[in-house]
Amino acid sequence: MIPSFLLAKLYVKGSLKNNDTGFEFNLKNIIDPTMIIGIGPINVGEKSYESDSISMILAEKTYPGAELSRENSVLVRVGIPITVKVAGERLQPGIQKVSVSATTSDIGRIKFDLSDTAS
């Protein structure tokens, strides 16, 4: 199991921002290559967003969270940036606490928290 403080380093500081459909943030794999087989929930305050509200953009291709599985996984190589988009409410100005969960084929469920100012 990878400690949550190390997983939190996947987050690209300053990347949390609102977009036209909700909000987004960036991750960058600094640990090991892995296969993502699920993403979600992502929690912001009292709001929880499941995989059907989440998508990942990797190498200019969009992967809807609800379509991820062992049979439809996404290879995440070290150093490759990932944009995570969440469809839902836009974030309020100020510091946001976000909890991110995903499932990998080799480790299983991973979870980490981040705190940043939404732009």
Protein backbone atom coordinates (compact mmCIF):
# COMPACT_ATOMS: atom_id res chain seq x y z
CA MET A 1 0.00 0.00 0.00
CA ILE A 2 1.24 3.46 -0.90
CA PRO A 3 1.01 6.03 1.93
CA SER A 4 -1.55 8.80 1.34
CA PHE A 5 1.08 11.54 1.86
CA LEU A 6 2.98 10.12 -1.14
CA LEU A 7 -0.20 9.79 -3.22
CA ALA A 8 -1.03 13.44 -2.46
CA LYS A 9 2.17 14.38 -4.36
CA LEU A 10 0.43 13.21 -7.54
CA TYR A 11 -1.62 16.41 -7.41
CA VAL A 12 -0.25 19.33 -9.44
CA LYS A 13 -0.48 22.24 -7.02
CA GLY A 14 -2.43 25.21 -8.36
CA SER A 15 -4.34 23.21 -10.98
CA LEU A 16 -7.75 23.15 -9.24
CA LYS A 17 -10.11 25.33 -11.27
CA ASN A 18 -13.67 25.73 -12.41
CA ASN A 19 -14.64 24.95 -15.99
CA ASP A 20 -17.84 25.13 -18.07
CA THR A 21 -19.27 21.88 -16.65
CA GLY A 22 -17.97 21.87 -13.08
CA PHE A 23 -14.32 21.73 -12.07
CA GLU A 24 -11.03 20.05 -12.90
CA PHE A 25 -7.54 19.43 -11.60
CA ASN A 26 -4.30 17.86 -12.82
CA LEU A 27 -2.34 14.88 -11.60
CA LYS A 28 1.10 13.68 -12.60
CA ASN A 29 2.24 10.14 -11.89
CA ILE A 30 5.56 10.29 -10.02
CA ILE A 31 5.48 6.80 -8.53
CA ASP A 32 5.22 3.81 -10.90
CA PRO A 33 3.34 2.93 -14.07
CA THR A 34 -0.10 1.53 -13.28
CA MET A 35 -3.43 0.64 -14.84
CA ILE A 36 -6.42 2.67 -13.65
CA ILE A 37 -9.52 0.47 -13.58
CA GLY A 38 -11.84 2.84 -11.74
CA ILE A 39 -12.11 6.40 -10.49
CA GLY A 40 -14.32 7.91 -7.83
CA PRO A 41 -15.76 8.99 -5.67
CA ILE A 42 -14.30 12.46 -5.57
CA ASN A 43 -15.56 14.42 -2.59
CA VAL A 44 -15.57 18.19 -2.15
CA GLY A 45 -17.02 19.29 1.17
CA GLU A 46 -20.41 17.57 1.49
CA LYS A 47 -20.66 16.80 -2.24
CA SER A 48 -19.70 13.39 -3.59
CA TYR A 49 -19.16 12.72 -7.31
CA GLU A 50 -19.23 9.14 -8.58
CA SER A 51 -17.56 7.73 -11.70
CA ASP A 52 -20.43 8.76 -14.02
CA SER A 53 -19.57 12.42 -13.26
CA ILE A 54 -15.81 12.00 -13.68
CA SER A 55 -13.60 11.79 -16.76
CA MET A 56 -9.84 11.61 -17.22
CA ILE A 57 -7.92 13.17 -20.08
CA LEU A 58 -4.62 11.49 -20.82
CA ALA A 59 -2.52 12.07 -23.94
CA GLU A 60 -5.39 14.06 -25.50
CA LYS A 61 -7.86 11.16 -25.12
CA THR A 62 -10.88 11.33 -22.81
CA TYR A 63 -11.75 8.33 -20.64
CA PRO A 64 -15.21 8.48 -19.00
CA GLY A 65 -14.97 7.24 -15.43
CA ALA A 66 -18.09 5.07 -15.73
CA GLU A 67 -16.45 3.09 -18.56
CA LEU A 68 -13.28 2.15 -16.66
CA SER A 69 -12.92 -1.50 -15.64
CA ARG A 70 -10.39 -4.36 -15.63
CA GLU A 71 -11.32 -4.94 -19.28
CA ASN A 72 -11.21 -1.23 -20.13
CA SER A 73 -8.29 0.14 -18.11
CA VAL A 74 -6.03 3.14 -18.71
CA LEU A 75 -2.24 2.84 -18.59
CA VAL A 76 -0.76 5.73 -16.62
CA ARG A 77 2.97 6.03 -17.19
CA VAL A 78 5.35 7.95 -14.94
CA GLY A 79 5.59 11.65 -15.80
CA ILE A 80 2.47 11.78 -17.98
CA PRO A 81 -0.01 14.51 -16.94
CA ILE A 82 -3.66 13.65 -16.35
CA THR A 83 -6.54 16.10 -16.25
CA VAL A 84 -9.45 14.96 -14.08
CA LYS A 85 -12.76 16.66 -14.91
CA VAL A 86 -15.79 16.52 -12.65
CA ALA A 87 -19.24 17.41 -13.98
CA GLY A 88 -21.33 19.11 -11.32
CA GLU A 89 -21.34 22.27 -9.28
CA ARG A 90 -18.61 24.81 -9.79
CA LEU A 91 -16.36 25.33 -6.78
CA GLN A 92 -16.77 28.32 -4.50
CA PRO A 93 -13.86 30.76 -4.38
CA GLY A 94 -11.29 30.00 -1.71
CA ILE A 95 -9.56 26.95 -0.31
CA GLN A 96 -11.19 23.63 -1.19
CA LYS A 97 -10.59 20.25 0.40
CA VAL A 98 -10.86 17.46 -2.16
CA SER A 99 -10.73 13.71 -1.53
CA VAL A 100 -9.78 11.60 -4.56
CA SER A 101 -10.34 7.84 -4.85
CA ALA A 102 -9.32 5.55 -7.69
CA THR A 103 -8.73 1.85 -8.24
CA THR A 104 -5.63 0.40 -9.85
CA SER A 105 -5.11 -3.12 -11.15
CA ASP A 106 -1.98 -3.72 -9.07
CA ILE A 107 -2.67 -1.97 -5.75
CA GLY A 108 -6.46 -1.81 -5.58
CA ARG A 109 -8.19 1.20 -4.03
CA ILE A 110 -6.08 4.32 -3.49
CA LYS A 111 -7.25 7.48 -1.78
CA PHE A 112 -5.69 10.82 -1.02
CA ASP A 113 -6.73 14.30 0.04
CA LEU A 114 -5.67 17.63 -1.35
CA SER A 115 -6.28 21.20 -0.39
CA ASP A 116 -5.93 24.10 -2.79
CA THR A 117 -7.48 27.38 -3.82
CA ALA A 118 -9.93 27.08 -6.70
CA SER A 119 -9.40 29.52 -9.54
